[in-house]
Amino acid sequence: MTAPTRVHAFTDDVLGDHDAVELARLVRTKELSAAEVEAAAVARLRQVAPGLHAMAYEAYDSPRRADADTGLLHGVPTLVKDNTDVRGMPTNHGSEAIRALPAKRDGRYAAQFLSTGMTVLGKSRMPEFGFNASTEFRSGPPTPNPWNTEHSVGASSGGSAALVAAGAVPIAHANDGGGSIRIPAAAAGLVGLKPSRGRHIDGESARTLPINIITEGVVTRTVRDTALFHAALERHWRNPALPPLGLVEGPARRRLRVAMITESVTDAVVDTPTKAALERTATLLESQGHTVEPVPVPVDARFGDDFLRYWGLLAFLAGNLGRLTMDQSLDTDRLDGLTDGLRRGFTSGGWRRTPAALLRLRRAAAAYATVFDHHDVVLCPVVAGVAPPLGHLSPNVPFDDLVDRLLRHVAFTPLQNVSGAPAISLPMALSDEGLPIGVQLSAAYGDERTLLELAYALEEQSPWPRIQQ
């Protein structure tokens, strides 16, 4: 059997193996210039481009720089996902059905993102409207996993995850409406925090949803990069309805009650490597003095079907109102098979069951919140198995087969989107094939601090796998 093909750009240039925190320090102390860092990132992005196909738009000659140099991550190169407006760059939402012109202004969330001081070098690829769990397309080349290019890098923030894992940039924008930060983070061996609902400024699409399931964030290679990024955002705007997060700088000493969930919300079977990674994480947490005990899934057995119906509503809105809400160029004849199938299912009768599904989803959110009456943290898989081969979740797979595969794979993450609770994916293991395996920790609404403290402790005790090793 041939060895898996890995793609990365780590070398002895000025980026080296530095994370975003270190690069920001080097720029701030003038040991490196922002221009040097930017040029090195562009060179790396160009190097990995033929193998990863992860860029939706390249702005190397006209990057979007922060208006001031006071951000905590000033001079750090980054990317923004292709569903968020950045002035001077088109926003195509990962869809071949849209041919957008460059945005005339920054989106609501992009303004907060830019306040960190980072330099945006372009847009990262995503599947159409973020509906799929693999960064694959109707006709264009997929974005593969840099750890093994025959496998998926997850989605919907797959382009960002691929380029951070490959070392092209240390940090990149991601957002999460059903696992879209955590799933690619797990597939690519990264840290991926989905914040609490309302922790940061909502993007334009999130503000109109019946249940706001979308939150914004980043994927990174270190916990401290994620922690500093979220602290930096609070300097621009902080939600007064949530406890301040501030800068979390390391583990805490307190001992926690951890609930471990091994059963999925979709009756999916968790594969053996993922079970082993979960059990190993539980053992590490116990060795730190935490108490871990199994608990059942706290939601109705219909949760998976209800979330799928909600997904159908979102596909209907994207297809039928997308010319108003996204871009006038939207051509519904060019929608991919997943979007079109979800949309057709909604219009052919799914809409009748949607009000009841929304009611049950709201009840599921309340039921999930009760877990934290007796526990501080929930431990579970991110997805039911290691990253699948490319093609397994392609939008060209017959619709019914694809939906069944998605429900069997995306079996844990949607619950935190519906509840609004924070959750983090951590790279806790490698499979025998050399693919990263993520494990998920979630906490009560507004308690990202506990998740970051635990993440620091696990990173210290069991350092993350490195793609260049």
Protein backbone atom coordinates (compact mmCIF):
# COMPACT_ATOMS: atom_id res chain seq x y z
CA MET A 1 0.00 0.00 0.00
CA THR A 2 1.38 3.43 -0.95
CA ALA A 3 1.89 6.04 1.74
CA PRO A 4 -0.77 8.75 1.93
CA THR A 5 0.08 12.02 0.21
CA ARG A 6 0.55 14.90 2.64
CA VAL A 7 0.63 18.52 1.58
CA HIS A 8 2.23 21.21 3.73
CA ALA A 9 4.35 24.31 3.36
CA PHE A 10 6.28 24.35 6.63
CA THR A 11 9.85 25.45 5.98
CA ASP A 12 12.56 27.69 7.48
CA ASP A 13 11.16 30.97 6.13
CA VAL A 14 10.08 33.82 8.45
CA LEU A 15 6.83 32.01 9.27
CA GLY A 16 8.69 28.92 10.42
CA ASP A 17 6.49 26.92 12.77
CA HIS A 18 5.16 30.06 14.49
CA ASP A 19 1.57 30.37 15.53
CA ALA A 20 -0.39 33.62 15.28
CA VAL A 21 0.47 34.73 18.82
CA GLU A 22 4.19 34.45 18.14
CA LEU A 23 3.98 36.13 14.74
CA ALA A 24 2.06 39.04 16.26
CA ARG A 25 4.78 39.36 18.93
CA LEU A 26 7.56 39.32 16.34
CA VAL A 27 5.82 42.04 14.30
CA ARG A 28 5.07 44.12 17.40
CA THR A 29 8.71 44.00 18.56
CA LYS A 30 9.87 44.72 14.98
CA GLU A 31 11.87 41.50 14.77
CA LEU A 32 9.83 40.89 11.62
CA SER A 33 7.91 43.33 9.47
CA ALA A 34 4.28 42.78 8.55
CA ALA A 35 5.35 42.92 4.89
CA GLU A 36 7.84 40.08 5.38
CA VAL A 37 5.22 37.92 7.07
CA GLU A 38 2.65 38.69 4.39
CA ALA A 39 5.07 37.81 1.57
CA ALA A 40 5.99 34.51 3.19
CA ALA A 41 2.32 33.58 3.60
CA VAL A 42 1.60 34.38 -0.05
CA ALA A 43 4.52 32.18 -1.11
CA ARG A 44 3.18 29.32 1.01
CA LEU A 45 -0.36 29.75 -0.30
CA ARG A 46 0.95 29.53 -3.85
CA GLN A 47 3.03 26.48 -2.98
CA VAL A 48 0.10 24.42 -1.67
CA ALA A 49 -2.47 25.68 -4.21
CA PRO A 50 -2.01 22.86 -6.77
CA GLY A 51 -2.55 20.18 -4.14
CA LEU A 52 -5.34 21.70 -2.05
CA HIS A 53 -7.52 23.89 -4.30
CA ALA A 54 -8.50 25.71 -1.12
CA MET A 55 -8.69 29.35 -2.26
CA ALA A 56 -11.98 30.81 -3.49
CA TYR A 57 -10.39 34.19 -4.25
CA GLU A 58 -6.78 35.38 -4.16
CA ALA A 59 -6.13 38.96 -3.03
CA TYR A 60 -2.36 38.68 -2.87
CA ASP A 61 -1.82 41.92 -4.81
CA SER A 62 -4.49 43.85 -2.92
CA PRO A 63 -4.98 42.34 0.54
CA ARG A 64 -7.47 43.80 3.01
CA ARG A 65 -5.44 45.18 5.85
CA ALA A 66 -6.74 46.49 9.15
CA ASP A 67 -7.32 50.24 9.24
CA ALA A 68 -5.07 50.57 12.33
CA ASP A 69 -2.08 48.70 13.75
CA THR A 70 -3.46 48.46 17.28
CA GLY A 71 -5.10 45.02 17.03
CA LEU A 72 -3.69 42.21 19.16
CA LEU A 73 -2.97 40.18 16.01
CA HIS A 74 -1.63 43.01 13.88
CA GLY A 75 0.32 41.80 10.87
CA VAL A 76 -0.80 38.16 11.06
CA PRO A 77 -1.86 36.79 7.63
CA THR A 78 -5.26 35.16 7.41
CA LEU A 79 -8.19 34.26 5.16
CA VAL A 80 -11.93 34.87 5.32
CA LYS A 81 -14.46 32.20 4.40
CA ASP A 82 -16.37 32.69 1.15
CA ASN A 83 -19.69 33.53 2.86
CA THR A 84 -18.60 36.78 4.53
CA ASP A 85 -18.31 40.12 2.74
CA VAL A 86 -14.87 41.73 2.69
CA ARG A 87 -14.47 44.98 0.79
CA GLY A 88 -12.93 44.42 -2.64
CA MET A 89 -13.53 40.64 -2.70
CA PRO A 90 -16.46 38.69 -4.17
CA THR A 91 -18.66 36.51 -1.96
CA ASN A 92 -19.91 33.44 -3.82
CA HIS A 93 -20.99 31.32 -0.81
CA GLY A 94 -19.15 28.33 -2.26
CA SER A 95 -21.68 28.08 -5.07
CA GLU A 96 -21.15 27.71 -8.80
CA ALA A 97 -24.62 29.26 -9.12
CA ILE A 98 -23.29 32.70 -8.07
CA ARG A 99 -20.89 35.00 -9.88
CA ALA A 100 -20.62 37.92 -7.49
CA LEU A 101 -18.87 41.21 -8.01
CA PRO A 102 -16.41 42.45 -5.37
CA ALA A 103 -18.15 43.65 -2.20
CA LYS A 104 -18.33 47.41 -1.79
CA ARG A 105 -18.02 47.28 1.99
CA ASP A 106 -17.08 44.96 4.81
CA GLY A 107 -19.84 42.85 6.31
CA ARG A 108 -20.99 43.31 9.90
CA TYR A 109 -18.84 40.53 11.26
CA ALA A 110 -15.92 41.22 8.94
CA ALA A 111 -15.50 44.63 10.59
CA GLN A 112 -15.09 42.95 13.97
CA PHE A 113 -12.76 40.31 12.49
CA LEU A 114 -10.55 42.98 10.94
CA SER A 115 -10.36 44.82 14.27
CA THR A 116 -7.94 42.12 15.43
CA GLY A 117 -5.34 43.62 13.08
CA MET A 118 -4.95 40.63 10.79
CA THR A 119 -4.28 40.94 7.04
CA VAL A 120 -6.80 39.15 4.80
CA LEU A 121 -5.07 37.59 1.79
CA GLY A 122 -8.23 36.23 0.17
CA LYS A 123 -11.24 33.97 0.56
CA SER A 124 -11.19 30.27 1.49
CA ARG A 125 -13.36 27.68 -0.24
CA MET A 126 -16.48 26.15 1.23
CA PRO A 127 -19.22 23.81 -0.11
CA GLU A 128 -22.35 25.42 -1.52
CA PHE A 129 -24.01 27.59 1.17
CA GLY A 130 -22.25 25.52 3.83
CA PHE A 131 -24.78 22.68 3.62
CA ASN A 132 -22.34 19.81 3.12
CA ALA A 133 -19.85 18.25 5.55
CA SER A 134 -17.19 17.91 2.85
CA THR A 135 -15.63 20.63 0.72
CA GLU A 136 -16.72 19.13 -2.58
CA PHE A 137 -18.49 20.68 -5.53
CA ARG A 138 -20.87 20.20 -8.43
CA SER A 139 -18.06 20.31 -11.00
CA GLY A 140 -14.95 21.97 -9.57
CA PRO A 141 -12.06 20.11 -7.90
CA PRO A 142 -12.58 19.25 -4.23
CA THR A 143 -10.48 20.60 -1.40
CA PRO A 144 -8.75 17.51 0.03
CA ASN A 145 -7.35 16.82 3.46
CA PRO A 146 -3.69 17.94 3.61
CA TRP A 147 -2.93 14.99 5.92
CA ASN A 148 -4.08 12.56 3.22
CA THR A 149 -5.27 14.02 -0.05
CA GLU A 150 -7.51 11.04 -0.83
CA HIS A 151 -9.77 12.04 2.08
CA SER A 152 -12.14 14.87 2.92
CA VAL A 153 -11.05 17.86 4.99
CA GLY A 154 -14.59 18.29 6.27
CA ALA A 155 -16.74 21.37 5.92
CA SER A 156 -18.10 23.83 5.66
CA SER A 157 -14.97 25.76 6.69
CA GLY A 158 -12.87 23.25 4.79
CA GLY A 159 -10.71 25.65 2.80
CA SER A 160 -9.68 27.50 5.93
CA ALA A 161 -8.92 24.25 7.75
CA ALA A 162 -6.84 22.85 4.89
CA LEU A 163 -4.68 25.97 4.63
CA VAL A 164 -4.10 26.33 8.37
CA ALA A 165 -3.25 22.64 8.74
CA ALA A 166 -0.86 22.88 5.79
CA GLY A 167 0.94 25.84 7.37
CA ALA A 168 0.04 28.41 4.71
CA VAL A 169 -1.46 30.70 7.35
CA PRO A 170 -1.57 30.18 11.13
CA ILE A 171 -5.22 31.16 11.61
CA ALA A 172 -8.27 31.52 9.37
CA HIS A 173 -11.90 32.55 9.61
CA ALA A 174 -14.54 29.88 10.02
CA ASN A 175 -18.19 29.82 10.98
CA ASP A 176 -20.48 27.11 12.25
CA GLY A 177 -24.13 26.36 11.50
CA GLY A 178 -24.15 22.61 12.18
CA GLY A 179 -20.53 21.76 12.89
CA SER A 180 -18.78 23.84 10.24
CA ILE A 181 -15.93 24.93 12.53
CA ARG A 182 -15.61 21.72 14.52
CA ILE A 183 -15.92 19.15 11.69
CA PRO A 184 -13.06 20.49 9.52
CA ALA A 185 -10.99 21.17 12.65
CA ALA A 186 -11.38 17.51 13.59
CA ALA A 187 -10.52 16.33 10.08
CA ALA A 188 -7.46 18.57 9.79
CA GLY A 189 -5.99 18.22 13.28
CA LEU A 190 -6.85 21.75 14.44
CA VAL A 191 -8.44 23.58 17.34
CA GLY A 192 -11.95 24.74 16.47
CA LEU A 193 -14.09 26.67 18.97
CA LYS A 194 -17.75 27.32 18.18
CA PRO A 195 -18.62 30.20 20.53
CA SER A 196 -21.90 30.74 22.32
CA ARG A 197 -24.72 32.23 20.28
CA GLY A 198 -24.33 36.01 20.39
CA ARG A 199 -20.75 35.96 21.68
CA HIS A 200 -19.70 38.07 18.68
CA ILE A 201 -21.44 40.17 16.05
CA ASP A 202 -23.73 38.08 13.87
CA GLY A 203 -23.21 38.01 10.13
CA GLU A 204 -26.02 39.17 7.88
CA SER A 205 -27.58 35.74 7.28
CA ALA A 206 -27.67 34.71 10.94
CA ARG A 207 -29.82 37.68 11.89
CA THR A 208 -32.82 36.47 9.87
CA LEU A 209 -33.01 32.80 10.92
CA PRO A 210 -35.99 31.38 12.87
CA ILE A 211 -33.41 29.67 15.10
CA ASN A 212 -30.01 31.31 14.87
CA ILE A 213 -27.64 28.36 14.54
CA ILE A 214 -24.66 30.27 13.10
CA THR A 215 -21.69 31.53 15.09
CA GLU A 216 -18.36 32.94 13.94
CA GLY A 217 -14.82 31.95 14.82
CA VAL A 218 -11.51 30.62 13.54
CA VAL A 219 -9.53 27.43 13.11
CA THR A 220 -6.01 27.40 14.57
CA ARG A 221 -3.11 25.10 15.37
CA THR A 222 -2.80 26.15 19.03
CA VAL A 223 -5.21 26.84 21.86
CA ARG A 224 -3.57 30.18 22.63
CA ASP A 225 -4.28 31.43 19.09
CA THR A 226 -7.98 30.70 19.53
CA ALA A 227 -7.97 32.29 22.99
CA LEU A 228 -6.21 35.48 21.88
CA PHE A 229 -8.43 35.84 18.82
CA HIS A 230 -11.61 35.79 20.88
CA ALA A 231 -10.13 38.17 23.44
CA ALA A 232 -9.18 40.52 20.60
CA LEU A 233 -12.74 40.54 19.25
CA GLU A 234 -14.05 41.76 22.61
CA ARG A 235 -11.97 44.92 22.26
CA HIS A 236 -14.20 45.83 19.30
CA TRP A 237 -17.56 44.72 20.72
CA ARG A 238 -18.73 42.60 23.64
CA ASN A 239 -22.23 41.26 24.17
CA PRO A 240 -23.34 42.66 27.55
CA ALA A 241 -25.79 39.77 27.93
CA LEU A 242 -22.90 37.29 28.23
CA PRO A 243 -20.12 37.08 30.82
CA PRO A 244 -16.91 38.59 29.45
CA LEU A 245 -14.44 36.03 28.14
CA GLY A 246 -11.24 38.05 28.30
CA LEU A 247 -7.90 36.43 27.59
CA VAL A 248 -7.69 32.84 28.82
CA GLU A 249 -3.99 32.07 29.24
CA GLY A 250 -3.77 28.54 30.59
CA PRO A 251 -5.37 25.69 32.51
CA ALA A 252 -7.40 26.20 35.66
CA ARG A 253 -6.94 24.28 38.89
CA ARG A 254 -10.60 23.53 39.55
CA ARG A 255 -11.87 19.99 39.10
CA LEU A 256 -14.87 19.46 36.88
CA ARG A 257 -17.78 17.06 36.45
CA VAL A 258 -17.63 15.72 32.88
CA ALA A 259 -20.58 14.01 31.21
CA MET A 260 -19.53 11.63 28.44
CA ILE A 261 -21.97 11.02 25.59
CA THR A 262 -21.21 8.16 23.23
CA GLU A 263 -24.61 7.80 21.56
CA SER A 264 -25.36 10.12 18.67
CA VAL A 265 -28.42 12.25 17.96
CA THR A 266 -28.91 10.34 14.67
CA ASP A 267 -28.34 6.72 15.78
CA ALA A 268 -25.03 6.73 13.92
CA VAL A 269 -22.44 4.11 14.85
CA VAL A 270 -19.20 5.58 16.16
CA ASP A 271 -16.19 3.89 14.57
CA THR A 272 -13.47 2.16 16.55
CA PRO A 273 -10.69 4.80 16.18
CA THR A 274 -13.06 7.58 17.27
CA LYS A 275 -14.22 5.55 20.29
CA ALA A 276 -10.58 4.96 21.24
CA ALA A 277 -9.79 8.68 20.98
CA LEU A 278 -12.83 9.52 23.13
CA GLU A 279 -11.90 6.97 25.79
CA ARG A 280 -8.29 8.14 25.82
CA THR A 281 -9.47 11.73 26.33
CA ALA A 282 -11.70 10.61 29.21
CA THR A 283 -8.70 8.88 30.80
CA LEU A 284 -6.57 12.02 30.42
CA LEU A 285 -9.29 14.14 32.03
CA GLU A 286 -9.56 11.69 34.94
CA SER A 287 -5.79 11.80 35.37
CA GLN A 288 -6.13 15.58 35.77
CA GLY A 289 -8.57 15.04 38.64
CA HIS A 290 -11.85 15.51 36.78
CA THR A 291 -14.79 13.14 37.21
CA VAL A 292 -16.08 11.53 34.01
CA GLU A 293 -19.37 9.64 33.87
CA PRO A 294 -21.50 8.43 30.96
CA VAL A 295 -24.88 10.06 30.35
CA PRO A 296 -27.56 9.37 27.72
CA VAL A 297 -28.30 11.67 24.80
CA PRO A 298 -30.60 14.30 26.34
CA VAL A 299 -32.80 14.97 23.30
CA ASP A 300 -35.73 13.48 21.41
CA ALA A 301 -34.94 10.69 18.95
CA ARG A 302 -36.42 12.84 16.17
CA PHE A 303 -33.72 15.49 16.54
CA GLY A 304 -31.78 14.39 13.44
CA ASP A 305 -34.84 14.46 11.20
CA ASP A 306 -35.95 17.80 12.65
CA PHE A 307 -32.56 19.36 12.01
CA LEU A 308 -32.66 18.02 8.45
CA ARG A 309 -36.05 19.68 7.92
CA TYR A 310 -34.59 22.94 9.19
CA TRP A 311 -31.73 22.48 6.73
CA GLY A 312 -34.39 22.09 4.03
CA LEU A 313 -35.92 25.40 5.05
CA LEU A 314 -32.52 27.07 4.77
CA ALA A 315 -31.97 25.55 1.32
CA PHE A 316 -35.39 26.82 0.25
CA LEU A 317 -34.53 30.32 1.46
CA ALA A 318 -31.13 30.22 -0.27
CA GLY A 319 -32.56 29.06 -3.57
CA ASN A 320 -35.76 31.10 -3.63
CA LEU A 321 -34.62 34.30 -1.95
CA GLY A 322 -30.90 34.15 -2.65
CA ARG A 323 -31.04 36.77 -5.38
CA LEU A 324 -32.26 39.23 -2.75
CA THR A 325 -30.24 38.06 0.25
CA MET A 326 -26.96 36.99 -1.38
CA ASP A 327 -26.42 38.06 -4.97
CA GLN A 328 -28.54 38.90 -8.00
CA SER A 329 -26.47 36.56 -10.17
CA LEU A 330 -27.84 33.42 -8.48
CA ASP A 331 -28.87 30.86 -11.14
CA THR A 332 -30.97 28.09 -9.58
CA ASP A 333 -30.28 25.81 -12.53
CA ARG A 334 -26.66 25.62 -11.33
CA LEU A 335 -27.37 24.63 -7.73
CA ASP A 336 -25.64 21.44 -6.63
CA GLY A 337 -27.48 18.19 -5.90
CA LEU A 338 -27.55 18.62 -2.13
CA THR A 339 -28.98 22.14 -2.15
CA ASP A 340 -31.47 21.27 -4.86
CA GLY A 341 -32.59 18.09 -3.10
CA LEU A 342 -33.06 19.81 0.25
CA ARG A 343 -34.97 22.61 -1.43
CA ARG A 344 -37.23 20.28 -3.39
CA GLY A 345 -37.97 18.23 -0.30
CA PHE A 346 -39.11 21.35 1.50
CA THR A 347 -41.33 22.61 -1.31
CA SER A 348 -42.90 19.18 -1.97
CA GLY A 349 -44.38 18.89 1.50
CA GLY A 350 -41.58 19.25 4.02
CA TRP A 351 -42.80 22.74 4.85
CA ARG A 352 -45.91 21.28 6.49
CA ARG A 353 -43.79 19.51 9.12
CA THR A 354 -41.37 22.37 9.66
CA PRO A 355 -43.31 24.29 12.36
CA ALA A 356 -43.48 21.18 14.56
CA ALA A 357 -39.81 20.47 13.88
CA LEU A 358 -38.86 24.00 14.97
CA LEU A 359 -40.85 23.57 18.17
CA ARG A 360 -39.10 20.29 18.96
CA LEU A 361 -35.69 21.82 18.19
CA ARG A 362 -36.37 24.57 20.72
CA ARG A 363 -37.36 21.93 23.27
CA ALA A 364 -34.17 20.02 22.49
CA ALA A 365 -32.16 23.15 23.27
CA ALA A 366 -33.85 23.42 26.67
CA ALA A 367 -33.28 19.69 27.34
CA TYR A 368 -29.58 19.98 26.48
CA ALA A 369 -29.19 22.91 28.87
CA THR A 370 -30.36 20.71 31.78
CA VAL A 371 -27.24 18.54 31.39
CA PHE A 372 -25.28 21.42 32.91
CA ASP A 373 -27.42 21.42 36.04
CA HIS A 374 -25.27 18.51 37.23
CA HIS A 375 -22.19 18.64 34.98
CA ASP A 376 -19.71 21.30 33.94
CA VAL A 377 -18.68 19.88 30.58
CA VAL A 378 -19.92 17.36 28.01
CA LEU A 379 -17.38 15.11 26.27
CA CYS A 380 -18.35 13.44 22.97
CA PRO A 381 -17.06 12.77 19.47
CA VAL A 382 -17.13 15.52 16.85
CA VAL A 383 -18.29 13.18 14.10
CA ALA A 384 -19.00 9.45 14.06
CA GLY A 385 -15.85 8.49 12.17
CA VAL A 386 -12.56 9.57 10.69
CA ALA A 387 -12.60 11.80 7.61
CA PRO A 388 -14.18 9.79 4.76
CA PRO A 389 -12.66 9.35 1.31
CA LEU A 390 -13.35 12.10 -1.20
CA GLY A 391 -16.51 11.30 -3.14
CA HIS A 392 -18.32 9.71 -0.20
CA LEU A 393 -20.08 13.01 0.57
CA SER A 394 -19.94 14.53 -2.89
CA PRO A 395 -23.00 16.60 -3.86
CA ASN A 396 -23.17 14.40 -6.97
CA VAL A 397 -24.06 11.34 -4.87
CA PRO A 398 -27.79 10.54 -5.29
CA PHE A 399 -29.66 12.78 -2.84
CA ASP A 400 -31.21 10.11 -0.60
CA ASP A 401 -27.91 8.27 -0.29
CA LEU A 402 -26.04 11.49 0.47
CA VAL A 403 -28.48 12.53 3.19
CA ASP A 404 -28.21 9.10 4.81
CA ARG A 405 -24.41 9.35 4.76
CA LEU A 406 -24.50 12.86 6.23
CA LEU A 407 -26.79 11.77 9.08
CA ARG A 408 -24.43 8.89 9.85
CA HIS A 409 -21.39 11.18 9.87
CA VAL A 410 -22.61 14.52 11.30
CA ALA A 411 -24.03 12.89 14.39
CA PHE A 412 -23.00 15.11 17.31
CA THR A 413 -22.34 18.74 16.37
CA PRO A 414 -25.80 20.16 15.47
CA LEU A 415 -27.02 19.96 19.05
CA GLN A 416 -24.77 22.82 20.16
CA ASN A 417 -25.91 24.96 17.21
CA VAL A 418 -29.55 24.56 18.16
CA SER A 419 -28.89 25.13 21.87
CA GLY A 420 -26.47 28.01 21.32
CA ALA A 421 -23.94 26.42 23.70
CA PRO A 422 -20.20 26.69 23.06
CA ALA A 423 -18.20 23.66 21.92
CA ILE A 424 -14.62 23.00 20.92
CA SER A 425 -12.97 20.36 18.76
CA LEU A 426 -9.50 19.24 19.83
CA PRO A 427 -7.10 17.01 17.83
CA MET A 428 -6.68 14.14 20.28
CA ALA A 429 -5.46 11.28 18.07
CA LEU A 430 -4.36 9.98 14.68
CA SER A 431 -5.90 6.98 12.94
CA ASP A 432 -3.77 4.12 11.65
CA GLU A 433 -4.01 5.82 8.23
CA GLY A 434 -2.53 9.02 9.66
CA LEU A 435 -5.78 11.00 9.73
CA PRO A 436 -6.53 13.32 12.67
CA ILE A 437 -9.38 12.48 15.03
CA GLY A 438 -11.11 15.28 16.91
CA VAL A 439 -12.90 15.06 20.23
CA GLN A 440 -15.51 17.59 21.30
CA LEU A 441 -16.00 19.36 24.62
CA SER A 442 -19.03 21.56 25.21
CA ALA A 443 -20.13 23.70 28.14
CA ALA A 444 -23.07 25.70 29.38
CA TYR A 445 -24.17 28.75 27.42
CA GLY A 446 -21.62 31.54 27.84
CA ASP A 447 -18.89 29.35 29.36
CA GLU A 448 -16.19 29.29 26.69
CA ARG A 449 -13.64 29.96 29.43
CA THR A 450 -13.98 26.45 30.87
CA LEU A 451 -13.51 24.91 27.43
CA LEU A 452 -10.35 26.90 26.72
CA GLU A 453 -8.91 26.08 30.15
CA LEU A 454 -9.51 22.36 29.57
CA ALA A 455 -8.08 22.64 26.06
CA TYR A 456 -4.89 24.17 27.41
CA ALA A 457 -4.56 21.32 29.92
CA LEU A 458 -5.06 18.62 27.26
CA GLU A 459 -2.67 20.35 24.83
CA GLU A 460 -0.03 20.49 27.57
CA GLN A 461 -0.51 16.87 28.61
CA SER A 462 -0.85 15.41 25.12
CA PRO A 463 0.58 17.75 22.44
CA TRP A 464 -1.30 17.79 19.15
CA PRO A 465 -0.05 15.74 16.18
CA ARG A 466 1.96 17.74 13.64
CA ILE A 467 1.56 17.32 9.90
CA GLN A 468 5.26 17.95 9.22
CA GLN A 469 6.45 15.14 11.48
